[in-house]
Amino acid sequence: MLTHRSMIVAGWLAMASAFITLPLAYVSFLLEGKTDPTSSLMLSIMQVFGTLLFIAIILYLKRLLNSLFQFHDTNGLMALMIVANSVAGFFVVLSLTFPQLKETMGVVATVLVIFQGVIQVQFGYRLLRLEDNLGGLLKPFCYSNMATGICIASVVLIFFGVVVSAIADLMLGTIFFQIAKTRFPQEKNEMD
């Protein structure tokens, strides 16, 4: 069930994702190729944390779209995004745990990242069908998701995809906060 509180939590999760995306990408870049146990553990923890954060945000978005707007056109794509992100994360952690599998797992993870990019482009495109403009952020959010997907699917532009993804997360956090304020104002007043 959607509440003022659940939308605030979703907003803060999306904002947290936006603000930690670039630092975590930078740390991952610095640790890339290192095989010592500390680096592998740090990368594994970051991967698991990022995957869980992604899943939570997508599930909040799905609940918002389904409950408040009765919009179900993106449900299958969001499920595929969760599966692709989770499986790619699993293979990354597996390759960090077993360095001898790194090359094979790297290929599998790359294929899954490309797949996820394609799905994200479709998600952004299909979300444009939503009749509510989400406080004027629907189109920018959709286009940023499509741009993120294109960058990620290209693999060579993945850094730009990370930056655009952080911007999309900022927009999504703002959307959640706006929904909390405009759709559940009486609950906010009761909490004060």
Protein backbone atom coordinates (compact mmCIF):
# COMPACT_ATOMS: atom_id res chain seq x y z
CA MET A 1 0.00 0.00 0.00
CA LEU A 2 1.25 3.46 -0.84
CA THR A 3 1.58 5.95 1.98
CA HIS A 4 3.27 9.27 2.55
CA ARG A 5 5.98 7.45 4.49
CA SER A 6 6.60 4.81 1.79
CA MET A 7 7.01 7.52 -0.84
CA ILE A 8 9.44 9.42 1.39
CA VAL A 9 11.47 6.23 1.94
CA ALA A 10 11.46 5.58 -1.81
CA GLY A 11 12.55 9.16 -2.45
CA TRP A 12 15.47 8.88 -0.05
CA LEU A 13 16.53 5.54 -1.54
CA ALA A 14 16.54 7.04 -5.04
CA MET A 15 18.47 10.11 -3.82
CA ALA A 16 20.98 7.88 -2.01
CA SER A 17 21.45 5.91 -5.20
CA ALA A 18 22.01 9.12 -7.14
CA PHE A 19 24.61 10.44 -4.72
CA ILE A 20 26.57 7.21 -4.22
CA THR A 21 26.57 6.05 -7.84
CA LEU A 22 29.54 8.13 -9.00
CA PRO A 23 31.74 7.56 -5.92
CA LEU A 24 31.08 3.81 -6.04
CA ALA A 25 31.83 3.74 -9.77
CA TYR A 26 35.10 5.54 -9.09
CA VAL A 27 36.08 3.11 -6.30
CA SER A 28 35.18 0.18 -8.57
CA PHE A 29 37.38 1.65 -11.28
CA LEU A 30 40.28 2.01 -8.82
CA LEU A 31 39.89 -1.57 -7.57
CA GLU A 32 39.35 -3.10 -11.03
CA GLY A 33 41.91 -5.80 -11.75
CA LYS A 34 43.08 -6.14 -8.15
CA THR A 35 42.82 -9.68 -6.87
CA ASP A 36 43.70 -9.26 -3.21
CA PRO A 37 41.03 -10.45 -0.76
CA THR A 38 40.29 -6.94 0.59
CA SER A 39 39.63 -5.49 -2.87
CA SER A 40 37.50 -8.50 -3.86
CA LEU A 41 35.49 -8.22 -0.64
CA MET A 42 34.94 -4.47 -1.10
CA LEU A 43 33.84 -4.94 -4.71
CA SER A 44 31.52 -7.80 -3.71
CA ILE A 45 29.92 -5.75 -0.93
CA MET A 46 29.44 -2.79 -3.28
CA GLN A 47 27.90 -5.07 -5.92
CA VAL A 48 25.46 -6.68 -3.48
CA PHE A 49 24.53 -3.31 -1.93
CA GLY A 50 24.00 -1.74 -5.37
CA THR A 51 21.87 -4.64 -6.53
CA LEU A 52 19.67 -4.56 -3.42
CA LEU A 53 19.26 -0.78 -3.67
CA PHE A 54 18.31 -1.08 -7.36
CA ILE A 55 15.73 -3.78 -6.59
CA ALA A 56 14.17 -1.75 -3.76
CA ILE A 57 13.85 1.37 -5.92
CA ILE A 58 12.35 -0.55 -8.85
CA LEU A 59 9.84 -2.27 -6.56
CA TYR A 60 8.76 1.09 -5.11
CA LEU A 61 8.41 2.49 -8.63
CA LYS A 62 6.37 -0.52 -9.70
CA ARG A 63 4.09 -0.15 -6.69
CA LEU A 64 3.65 3.55 -7.45
CA LEU A 65 2.82 2.99 -11.11
CA ASN A 66 0.48 0.05 -10.40
CA SER A 67 -1.36 1.41 -7.36
CA LEU A 68 -1.64 5.13 -7.98
CA PHE A 69 -1.88 5.22 -11.78
CA GLN A 70 -3.12 1.68 -12.58
CA PHE A 71 -0.25 1.58 -15.08
CA HIS A 72 1.01 -1.96 -15.71
CA ASP A 73 2.69 -1.58 -19.13
CA THR A 74 6.19 -1.66 -17.65
CA ASN A 75 5.75 -4.51 -15.13
CA GLY A 76 7.40 -7.15 -17.31
CA LEU A 77 10.29 -4.86 -18.20
CA MET A 78 10.89 -3.98 -14.54
CA ALA A 79 10.89 -7.69 -13.68
CA LEU A 80 13.45 -8.31 -16.45
CA MET A 81 15.57 -5.39 -15.19
CA ILE A 82 15.58 -6.90 -11.70
CA VAL A 83 16.48 -10.36 -12.98
CA ALA A 84 19.23 -9.07 -15.31
CA ASN A 85 20.72 -6.85 -12.58
CA SER A 86 20.60 -9.65 -10.00
CA VAL A 87 22.10 -12.29 -12.29
CA ALA A 88 24.82 -9.91 -13.52
CA GLY A 89 25.61 -9.04 -9.91
CA PHE A 90 25.79 -12.72 -9.00
CA PHE A 91 28.26 -13.39 -11.81
CA VAL A 92 30.38 -10.40 -10.82
CA VAL A 93 30.58 -11.62 -7.22
CA LEU A 94 31.28 -15.16 -8.45
CA SER A 95 34.16 -13.90 -10.61
CA LEU A 96 35.56 -11.96 -7.64
CA THR A 97 35.32 -15.02 -5.41
CA PHE A 98 36.84 -17.39 -7.97
CA PRO A 99 39.41 -15.45 -10.02
CA GLN A 100 39.93 -18.41 -12.36
CA LEU A 101 36.35 -17.87 -13.60
CA LYS A 102 36.84 -14.14 -14.12
CA GLU A 103 37.15 -14.24 -17.90
CA THR A 104 34.12 -16.47 -18.44
CA MET A 105 32.00 -14.62 -15.88
CA GLY A 106 33.10 -11.30 -17.36
CA VAL A 107 31.70 -12.29 -20.75
CA VAL A 108 28.42 -13.45 -19.19
CA ALA A 109 28.14 -10.25 -17.13
CA THR A 110 28.84 -8.11 -20.23
CA VAL A 111 26.07 -9.88 -22.17
CA LEU A 112 23.69 -9.32 -19.26
CA VAL A 113 24.65 -5.64 -19.01
CA ILE A 114 23.94 -5.20 -22.73
CA PHE A 115 20.61 -6.98 -22.25
CA GLN A 116 19.81 -4.73 -19.29
CA GLY A 117 20.63 -1.64 -21.35
CA VAL A 118 18.24 -2.73 -24.09
CA ILE A 119 15.52 -3.41 -21.51
CA GLN A 120 16.08 0.00 -19.92
CA VAL A 121 15.63 1.71 -23.28
CA GLN A 122 12.34 -0.16 -23.75
CA PHE A 123 11.30 0.70 -20.19
CA GLY A 124 11.85 4.43 -20.75
CA TYR A 125 10.03 4.33 -24.07
CA ARG A 126 7.05 2.40 -22.72
CA LEU A 127 6.80 4.58 -19.61
CA LEU A 128 6.10 7.55 -21.91
CA ARG A 129 2.57 6.08 -22.21
CA LEU A 130 1.81 7.06 -18.61
CA GLU A 131 -0.98 9.63 -18.66
CA ASP A 132 0.25 11.55 -15.60
CA ASN A 133 3.23 13.83 -16.29
CA LEU A 134 4.70 13.20 -12.80
CA GLY A 135 4.98 16.87 -12.00
CA GLY A 136 6.62 17.63 -15.33
CA LEU A 137 9.34 14.99 -14.85
CA LEU A 138 7.86 12.11 -16.86
CA LYS A 139 9.54 12.93 -20.18
CA PRO A 140 12.95 13.87 -18.72
CA PHE A 141 12.89 10.72 -16.58
CA CYS A 142 11.94 8.53 -19.54
CA TYR A 143 14.53 10.08 -21.84
CA SER A 144 17.26 9.77 -19.22
CA ASN A 145 16.38 6.08 -18.80
CA MET A 146 16.59 5.58 -22.55
CA ALA A 147 19.93 7.42 -22.68
CA THR A 148 21.23 5.33 -19.77
CA GLY A 149 20.16 2.16 -21.53
CA ILE A 150 21.85 3.17 -24.78
CA CYS A 151 25.09 4.04 -23.00
CA ILE A 152 25.08 0.83 -20.97
CA ALA A 153 24.21 -1.36 -23.96
CA SER A 154 27.05 0.17 -25.97
CA VAL A 155 29.48 -0.88 -23.18
CA VAL A 156 32.06 1.71 -24.34
CA LEU A 157 29.86 4.57 -23.08
CA ILE A 158 29.15 2.91 -19.75
CA PHE A 159 30.73 5.79 -17.76
CA PHE A 160 28.29 8.24 -19.37
CA GLY A 161 25.51 5.77 -18.60
CA VAL A 162 26.47 5.88 -14.92
CA VAL A 163 26.30 9.69 -14.91
CA VAL A 164 22.93 9.79 -16.70
CA SER A 165 21.65 7.05 -14.38
CA ALA A 166 22.53 9.20 -11.36
CA ILE A 167 20.58 12.08 -12.91
CA ALA A 168 17.61 9.76 -13.51
CA ASP A 169 17.76 8.68 -9.86
CA LEU A 170 17.65 12.33 -8.78
CA MET A 171 14.55 12.83 -10.90
CA LEU A 172 12.96 9.66 -9.53
CA GLY A 173 13.64 10.75 -5.95
CA THR A 174 12.03 14.10 -6.72
CA ILE A 175 9.02 12.29 -8.24
CA PHE A 176 8.60 10.17 -5.09
CA PHE A 177 8.84 13.26 -2.86
CA GLN A 178 6.32 15.17 -5.01
CA ILE A 179 3.89 12.23 -4.90
CA ALA A 180 4.22 12.09 -1.09
CA LYS A 181 3.49 15.81 -0.82
CA THR A 182 0.67 16.09 -3.36
CA ARG A 183 -1.11 12.73 -3.08
CA PHE A 184 -0.78 12.07 0.65
CA PRO A 185 -0.77 15.54 2.31
CA GLN A 186 -3.19 14.55 5.07
CA GLU A 187 -0.87 11.74 6.18
CA LYS A 188 2.03 14.19 6.38
CA ASN A 189 -0.03 16.48 8.58
CA GLU A 190 -0.96 13.56 10.85
CA MET A 191 2.73 12.66 11.20
CA ASP A 192 3.68 16.25 12.24
